[in-house]
Amino acid sequence: MRYRLTFTKEYPVKYVGHMDVVLSWTRAFRRAGVPLAYSAGFNPRAKIQVAASLPVGTMGSAELMDITLTEPMEPDEILRRVNATLPNGYRLLAVEAIAADTPKLQASLRQAEYRVTVETNFSAAEIQSRIEHLLAQTEIIQTRIRRKREETFDLRPLVFDIALLEKTDADAVLTMRLSAGQHGNVRPDAVLHALGIQNTWVQTERTKLIFDI
């Protein structure tokens, strides 16, 4: 039996890495008496698939994972039991049963939406001008480190939308819709770099995952 879970990763655990996030959930399922299925072989692993790992320091308000159980359970029962065992910083929002042949989350993920709060003295007009200039470009070449090697990439086709949501004296709140998944993945900090707003305090929350199903 497969189930799709919607959950949060909140401020207290935003610096917990992906492998430890999966371990926290595995332990919570075990304590809750949820009968996880495990892979075969010398080193069995719980059948848990998170749609997309969150970068360390990033929060998530609508994250998704699929789990496989050895026997059926009512979704509401899973929700109730697991929430009672989760560490501070995680919350299970919804559980639904899905068909065994439902496409895997990682294969169908296409985009992600973010809410980014960044410290900046730029005015709202200046930030808006920079956003419009970036979106008007046909190519934005940047460099990044992947697998300990520096590579260049074109940021522009990975950015679908940027908007200024709010501006205070010290901070700006931006929303971004960016490419995510196996066909192209980019983080909000790359967009901030392209906007010329970097080396400042930033708080990032992934608010939505978008799939091609």
C-alpha atoms as a PDB file:
ATOM      1  CA  MET A   1       0.000   0.000   0.000  1.00  0.00           C
ATOM      2  CA  ARG A   2       1.320   3.432  -1.000  1.00  0.00           C
ATOM      3  CA  TYR A   3       0.490   6.709   0.696  1.00  0.00           C
ATOM      4  CA  ARG A   4       1.323  10.311  -0.170  1.00  0.00           C
ATOM      5  CA  LEU A   5       2.096  12.578   2.762  1.00  0.00           C
ATOM      6  CA  THR A   6       2.195  16.365   2.932  1.00  0.00           C
ATOM      7  CA  PHE A   7       4.418  17.729   5.692  1.00  0.00           C
ATOM      8  CA  THR A   8       6.335  20.740   6.964  1.00  0.00           C
ATOM      9  CA  LYS A   9       9.965  21.297   7.862  1.00  0.00           C
ATOM     10  CA  GLU A  10       9.959  24.346  10.113  1.00  0.00           C
ATOM     11  CA  TYR A  11      12.431  26.774  11.657  1.00  0.00           C
ATOM     12  CA  PRO A  12      13.729  24.547  14.524  1.00  0.00           C
ATOM     13  CA  VAL A  13      14.991  21.922  12.052  1.00  0.00           C
ATOM     14  CA  LYS A  14      15.865  24.021   9.011  1.00  0.00           C
ATOM     15  CA  TYR A  15      19.576  23.186   9.400  1.00  0.00           C
ATOM     16  CA  VAL A  16      18.967  19.423   9.521  1.00  0.00           C
ATOM     17  CA  GLY A  17      20.326  17.693   6.413  1.00  0.00           C
ATOM     18  CA  HIS A  18      18.259  15.527   4.091  1.00  0.00           C
ATOM     19  CA  MET A  19      19.506  12.130   5.320  1.00  0.00           C
ATOM     20  CA  ASP A  20      18.771  13.079   8.920  1.00  0.00           C
ATOM     21  CA  VAL A  21      15.310  14.316   7.890  1.00  0.00           C
ATOM     22  CA  VAL A  22      14.531  10.885   6.421  1.00  0.00           C
ATOM     23  CA  LEU A  23      15.922   9.226   9.552  1.00  0.00           C
ATOM     24  CA  SER A  24      13.690  11.390  11.774  1.00  0.00           C
ATOM     25  CA  TRP A  25      10.620  10.364   9.781  1.00  0.00           C
ATOM     26  CA  THR A  26      11.621   6.686   9.799  1.00  0.00           C
ATOM     27  CA  ARG A  27      11.910   6.748  13.582  1.00  0.00           C
ATOM     28  CA  ALA A  28       8.587   8.585  13.923  1.00  0.00           C
ATOM     29  CA  PHE A  29       6.821   5.962  11.779  1.00  0.00           C
ATOM     30  CA  ARG A  30       8.371   3.196  13.855  1.00  0.00           C
ATOM     31  CA  ARG A  31       7.318   4.787  17.157  1.00  0.00           C
ATOM     32  CA  ALA A  32       3.811   5.341  15.758  1.00  0.00           C
ATOM     33  CA  GLY A  33       3.443   1.670  14.823  1.00  0.00           C
ATOM     34  CA  VAL A  34       3.173   2.419  11.104  1.00  0.00           C
ATOM     35  CA  PRO A  35       4.236  -0.788   9.266  1.00  0.00           C
ATOM     36  CA  LEU A  36       6.790   0.548   6.785  1.00  0.00           C
ATOM     37  CA  ALA A  37       7.909  -1.739   3.994  1.00  0.00           C
ATOM     38  CA  TYR A  38      11.661  -2.191   3.560  1.00  0.00           C
ATOM     39  CA  SER A  39      13.840  -3.000   0.581  1.00  0.00           C
ATOM     40  CA  ALA A  40      15.479  -6.394   0.319  1.00  0.00           C
ATOM     41  CA  GLY A  41      19.203  -7.017   0.458  1.00  0.00           C
ATOM     42  CA  PHE A  42      22.093  -6.714   2.890  1.00  0.00           C
ATOM     43  CA  ASN A  43      21.163  -3.189   4.030  1.00  0.00           C
ATOM     44  CA  PRO A  44      17.341  -2.880   3.994  1.00  0.00           C
ATOM     45  CA  ARG A  45      15.955   0.651   3.809  1.00  0.00           C
ATOM     46  CA  ALA A  46      12.502   1.944   4.529  1.00  0.00           C
ATOM     47  CA  LYS A  47      10.511   2.644   1.368  1.00  0.00           C
ATOM     48  CA  ILE A  48      10.302   6.409   1.793  1.00  0.00           C
ATOM     49  CA  GLN A  49      10.645   8.737  -1.177  1.00  0.00           C
ATOM     50  CA  VAL A  50      10.823  12.480  -0.562  1.00  0.00           C
ATOM     51  CA  ALA A  51       9.895  14.539  -3.627  1.00  0.00           C
ATOM     52  CA  ALA A  52      12.919  16.832  -3.375  1.00  0.00           C
ATOM     53  CA  SER A  53      15.499  17.394  -0.670  1.00  0.00           C
ATOM     54  CA  LEU A  54      15.525  20.847   0.885  1.00  0.00           C
ATOM     55  CA  PRO A  55      18.840  22.718   0.951  1.00  0.00           C
ATOM     56  CA  VAL A  56      20.208  23.047   4.478  1.00  0.00           C
ATOM     57  CA  GLY A  57      18.790  26.226   5.986  1.00  0.00           C
ATOM     58  CA  THR A  58      15.612  26.161   3.890  1.00  0.00           C
ATOM     59  CA  MET A  59      12.185  25.557   5.413  1.00  0.00           C
ATOM     60  CA  GLY A  60       9.269  23.837   3.684  1.00  0.00           C
ATOM     61  CA  SER A  61       5.552  24.361   4.245  1.00  0.00           C
ATOM     62  CA  ALA A  62       4.107  21.849   1.755  1.00  0.00           C
ATOM     63  CA  GLU A  63       6.681  19.102   1.279  1.00  0.00           C
ATOM     64  CA  LEU A  64       5.694  15.717  -0.127  1.00  0.00           C
ATOM     65  CA  MET A  65       6.810  12.149   0.427  1.00  0.00           C
ATOM     66  CA  ASP A  66       5.543   8.727  -0.586  1.00  0.00           C
ATOM     67  CA  ILE A  67       5.724   5.749   1.749  1.00  0.00           C
ATOM     68  CA  THR A  68       4.963   2.072   1.219  1.00  0.00           C
ATOM     69  CA  LEU A  69       3.387  -0.026   3.984  1.00  0.00           C
ATOM     70  CA  THR A  70       3.183  -3.772   4.383  1.00  0.00           C
ATOM     71  CA  GLU A  71      -0.502  -3.557   5.321  1.00  0.00           C
ATOM     72  CA  PRO A  72      -3.216  -0.925   4.855  1.00  0.00           C
ATOM     73  CA  MET A  73      -4.006   1.794   7.386  1.00  0.00           C
ATOM     74  CA  GLU A  74      -6.599   4.536   7.411  1.00  0.00           C
ATOM     75  CA  PRO A  75      -4.983   7.845   6.360  1.00  0.00           C
ATOM     76  CA  ASP A  76      -6.495   9.647   9.351  1.00  0.00           C
ATOM     77  CA  GLU A  77      -4.988   7.049  11.677  1.00  0.00           C
ATOM     78  CA  ILE A  78      -1.536   7.537  10.137  1.00  0.00           C
ATOM     79  CA  LEU A  79      -1.920  11.292  10.522  1.00  0.00           C
ATOM     80  CA  ARG A  80      -2.941  11.067  14.166  1.00  0.00           C
ATOM     81  CA  ARG A  81      -0.346   8.534  15.229  1.00  0.00           C
ATOM     82  CA  VAL A  82       2.618  10.065  13.439  1.00  0.00           C
ATOM     83  CA  ASN A  83       1.960  13.642  14.572  1.00  0.00           C
ATOM     84  CA  ALA A  84       2.043  12.376  18.158  1.00  0.00           C
ATOM     85  CA  THR A  85       5.607  11.063  17.694  1.00  0.00           C
ATOM     86  CA  LEU A  86       7.287  13.679  15.476  1.00  0.00           C
ATOM     87  CA  PRO A  87      10.155  15.815  16.809  1.00  0.00           C
ATOM     88  CA  ASN A  88       9.628  19.558  17.192  1.00  0.00           C
ATOM     89  CA  GLY A  89       9.872  21.249  13.800  1.00  0.00           C
ATOM     90  CA  TYR A  90       8.013  18.672  11.727  1.00  0.00           C
ATOM     91  CA  ARG A  91       4.251  18.443  11.167  1.00  0.00           C
ATOM     92  CA  LEU A  92       2.244  16.002   9.086  1.00  0.00           C
ATOM     93  CA  LEU A  93      -0.518  17.945   7.308  1.00  0.00           C
ATOM     94  CA  ALA A  94      -2.273  15.345   5.150  1.00  0.00           C
ATOM     95  CA  VAL A  95      -2.189  11.668   4.186  1.00  0.00           C
ATOM     96  CA  GLU A  96      -3.850  10.048   1.173  1.00  0.00           C
ATOM     97  CA  ALA A  97      -3.758   6.542  -0.229  1.00  0.00           C
ATOM     98  CA  ILE A  98      -2.459   6.363  -3.819  1.00  0.00           C
ATOM     99  CA  ALA A  99      -2.440   3.667  -6.470  1.00  0.00           C
ATOM    100  CA  ALA A 100       0.562   1.374  -6.679  1.00  0.00           C
ATOM    101  CA  ASP A 101       1.316   2.584 -10.222  1.00  0.00           C
ATOM    102  CA  THR A 102       1.193   6.300  -9.383  1.00  0.00           C
ATOM    103  CA  PRO A 103       4.255   8.011 -10.973  1.00  0.00           C
ATOM    104  CA  LYS A 104       7.129   8.606  -8.589  1.00  0.00           C
ATOM    105  CA  LEU A 105       7.351  12.107  -7.167  1.00  0.00           C
ATOM    106  CA  GLN A 106      10.944  12.704  -8.230  1.00  0.00           C
ATOM    107  CA  ALA A 107      10.243  11.732 -11.845  1.00  0.00           C
ATOM    108  CA  SER A 108       7.319  14.126 -12.266  1.00  0.00           C
ATOM    109  CA  LEU A 109       8.571  17.154 -10.286  1.00  0.00           C
ATOM    110  CA  ARG A 110       9.000  20.194 -12.531  1.00  0.00           C
ATOM    111  CA  GLN A 111       8.912  23.439 -10.510  1.00  0.00           C
ATOM    112  CA  ALA A 112       8.962  24.814  -6.977  1.00  0.00           C
ATOM    113  CA  GLU A 113       7.689  28.034  -5.448  1.00  0.00           C
ATOM    114  CA  TYR A 114       9.580  29.899  -2.727  1.00  0.00           C
ATOM    115  CA  ARG A 115       9.063  32.774  -0.321  1.00  0.00           C
ATOM    116  CA  VAL A 116      12.380  34.537   0.276  1.00  0.00           C
ATOM    117  CA  THR A 117      12.928  37.213   2.907  1.00  0.00           C
ATOM    118  CA  VAL A 118      16.198  39.069   2.362  1.00  0.00           C
ATOM    119  CA  GLU A 119      17.857  41.929   4.199  1.00  0.00           C
ATOM    120  CA  THR A 120      18.431  44.842   1.801  1.00  0.00           C
ATOM    121  CA  ASN A 121      18.533  48.621   1.743  1.00  0.00           C
ATOM    122  CA  PHE A 122      17.394  48.749  -1.879  1.00  0.00           C
ATOM    123  CA  SER A 123      14.084  50.534  -2.408  1.00  0.00           C
ATOM    124  CA  ALA A 124      11.021  48.739  -3.704  1.00  0.00           C
ATOM    125  CA  ALA A 125      11.415  50.576  -7.022  1.00  0.00           C
ATOM    126  CA  GLU A 126      15.047  49.455  -7.351  1.00  0.00           C
ATOM    127  CA  ILE A 127      14.222  45.825  -6.581  1.00  0.00           C
ATOM    128  CA  GLN A 128      11.323  45.852  -9.024  1.00  0.00           C
ATOM    129  CA  SER A 129      13.571  47.315 -11.708  1.00  0.00           C
ATOM    130  CA  ARG A 130      16.152  44.581 -11.136  1.00  0.00           C
ATOM    131  CA  ILE A 131      13.470  41.882 -11.325  1.00  0.00           C
ATOM    132  CA  GLU A 132      12.128  43.254 -14.603  1.00  0.00           C
ATOM    133  CA  HIS A 133      15.638  43.491 -16.036  1.00  0.00           C
ATOM    134  CA  LEU A 134      16.414  39.880 -15.090  1.00  0.00           C
ATOM    135  CA  LEU A 135      13.169  38.532 -16.560  1.00  0.00           C
ATOM    136  CA  ALA A 136      13.816  40.450 -19.779  1.00  0.00           C
ATOM    137  CA  GLN A 137      17.143  38.683 -20.349  1.00  0.00           C
ATOM    138  CA  THR A 138      17.453  35.788 -22.792  1.00  0.00           C
ATOM    139  CA  GLU A 139      20.566  34.367 -21.105  1.00  0.00           C
ATOM    140  CA  ILE A 140      22.088  34.640 -17.628  1.00  0.00           C
ATOM    141  CA  ILE A 141      25.355  32.723 -17.324  1.00  0.00           C
ATOM    142  CA  GLN A 142      26.445  31.812 -13.794  1.00  0.00           C
ATOM    143  CA  THR A 143      28.961  29.465 -12.224  1.00  0.00           C
ATOM    144  CA  ARG A 144      28.406  26.923  -9.464  1.00  0.00           C
ATOM    145  CA  ILE A 145      30.223  24.050  -7.775  1.00  0.00           C
ATOM    146  CA  ARG A 146      28.849  20.577  -8.451  1.00  0.00           C
ATOM    147  CA  ARG A 147      30.611  17.380  -7.416  1.00  0.00           C
ATOM    148  CA  LYS A 148      33.588  19.522  -6.320  1.00  0.00           C
ATOM    149  CA  ARG A 149      33.945  20.979  -9.812  1.00  0.00           C
ATOM    150  CA  GLU A 150      33.096  24.436 -11.082  1.00  0.00           C
ATOM    151  CA  GLU A 151      30.626  24.572 -13.963  1.00  0.00           C
ATOM    152  CA  THR A 152      28.793  27.270 -15.877  1.00  0.00           C
ATOM    153  CA  PHE A 153      25.048  27.204 -16.525  1.00  0.00           C
ATOM    154  CA  ASP A 154      22.327  29.408 -17.963  1.00  0.00           C
ATOM    155  CA  LEU A 155      20.042  30.531 -15.148  1.00  0.00           C
ATOM    156  CA  ARG A 156      17.395  32.182 -17.313  1.00  0.00           C
ATOM    157  CA  PRO A 157      15.420  29.113 -18.528  1.00  0.00           C
ATOM    158  CA  LEU A 158      15.252  27.882 -14.942  1.00  0.00           C
ATOM    159  CA  VAL A 159      13.432  30.999 -13.672  1.00  0.00           C
ATOM    160  CA  PHE A 160       9.684  31.163 -14.408  1.00  0.00           C
ATOM    161  CA  ASP A 161       8.622  34.066 -12.223  1.00  0.00           C
ATOM    162  CA  ILE A 162       9.860  36.498  -9.560  1.00  0.00           C
ATOM    163  CA  ALA A 163       7.710  39.023  -7.720  1.00  0.00           C
ATOM    164  CA  LEU A 164       8.260  41.549  -4.958  1.00  0.00           C
ATOM    165  CA  LEU A 165       5.642  40.797  -2.325  1.00  0.00           C
ATOM    166  CA  GLU A 166       6.595  43.245   0.398  1.00  0.00           C
ATOM    167  CA  LYS A 167       9.268  45.853   1.241  1.00  0.00           C
ATOM    168  CA  THR A 168      10.057  47.249   4.671  1.00  0.00           C
ATOM    169  CA  ASP A 169      12.897  49.516   5.774  1.00  0.00           C
ATOM    170  CA  ALA A 170      15.242  46.587   6.298  1.00  0.00           C
ATOM    171  CA  ASP A 171      13.834  43.603   4.385  1.00  0.00           C
ATOM    172  CA  ALA A 172      12.253  42.574   1.116  1.00  0.00           C
ATOM    173  CA  VAL A 173       9.978  39.577   0.636  1.00  0.00           C
ATOM    174  CA  LEU A 174      10.163  37.950  -2.792  1.00  0.00           C
ATOM    175  CA  THR A 175       8.258  35.055  -4.310  1.00  0.00           C
ATOM    176  CA  MET A 176       9.962  32.869  -6.902  1.00  0.00           C
ATOM    177  CA  ARG A 177       8.831  30.031  -9.152  1.00  0.00           C
ATOM    178  CA  LEU A 178      11.891  28.071 -10.248  1.00  0.00           C
ATOM    179  CA  SER A 179      12.761  24.881 -12.076  1.00  0.00           C
ATOM    180  CA  ALA A 180      13.062  21.823  -9.824  1.00  0.00           C
ATOM    181  CA  GLY A 181      13.620  18.129 -10.261  1.00  0.00           C
ATOM    182  CA  GLN A 182      15.545  15.918 -12.636  1.00  0.00           C
ATOM    183  CA  HIS A 183      15.169  18.196 -15.666  1.00  0.00           C
ATOM    184  CA  GLY A 184      16.778  21.248 -14.067  1.00  0.00           C
ATOM    185  CA  ASN A 185      17.141  22.511 -10.541  1.00  0.00           C
ATOM    186  CA  VAL A 186      18.055  25.951  -9.225  1.00  0.00           C
ATOM    187  CA  ARG A 187      18.057  27.495  -5.759  1.00  0.00           C
ATOM    188  CA  PRO A 188      16.783  30.934  -4.772  1.00  0.00           C
ATOM    189  CA  ASP A 189      20.275  32.092  -3.783  1.00  0.00           C
ATOM    190  CA  ALA A 190      21.314  31.896  -7.454  1.00  0.00           C
ATOM    191  CA  VAL A 191      18.457  34.257  -8.307  1.00  0.00           C
ATOM    192  CA  LEU A 192      19.441  36.649  -5.521  1.00  0.00           C
ATOM    193  CA  HIS A 193      22.973  36.642  -6.902  1.00  0.00           C
ATOM    194  CA  ALA A 194      21.669  37.483 -10.380  1.00  0.00           C
ATOM    195  CA  LEU A 195      19.626  40.322  -8.860  1.00  0.00           C
ATOM    196  CA  GLY A 196      22.709  41.672  -7.085  1.00  0.00           C
ATOM    197  CA  ILE A 197      21.221  41.013  -3.637  1.00  0.00           C
ATOM    198  CA  GLN A 198      23.604  38.691  -1.841  1.00  0.00           C
ATOM    199  CA  ASN A 199      25.921  38.398   1.171  1.00  0.00           C
ATOM    200  CA  THR A 200      23.046  39.433   3.406  1.00  0.00           C
ATOM    201  CA  TRP A 201      20.676  37.709   5.833  1.00  0.00           C
ATOM    202  CA  VAL A 202      18.209  35.492   3.981  1.00  0.00           C
ATOM    203  CA  GLN A 203      15.358  33.259   5.117  1.00  0.00           C
ATOM    204  CA  THR A 204      13.917  30.880   2.540  1.00  0.00           C
ATOM    205  CA  GLU A 205      10.758  28.768   2.594  1.00  0.00           C
ATOM    206  CA  ARG A 206       9.634  26.412  -0.147  1.00  0.00           C
ATOM    207  CA  THR A 207       5.873  26.840  -0.315  1.00  0.00           C
ATOM    208  CA  LYS A 208       4.782  24.596  -3.178  1.00  0.00           C
ATOM    209  CA  LEU A 209       5.968  21.759  -5.404  1.00  0.00           C
ATOM    210  CA  ILE A 210       4.596  21.596  -8.944  1.00  0.00           C
ATOM    211  CA  PHE A 211       4.318  18.341 -10.874  1.00  0.00           C
ATOM    212  CA  ASP A 212       3.695  17.208 -14.437  1.00  0.00           C
ATOM    213  CA  ILE A 213       1.296  14.332 -13.843  1.00  0.00           C
END
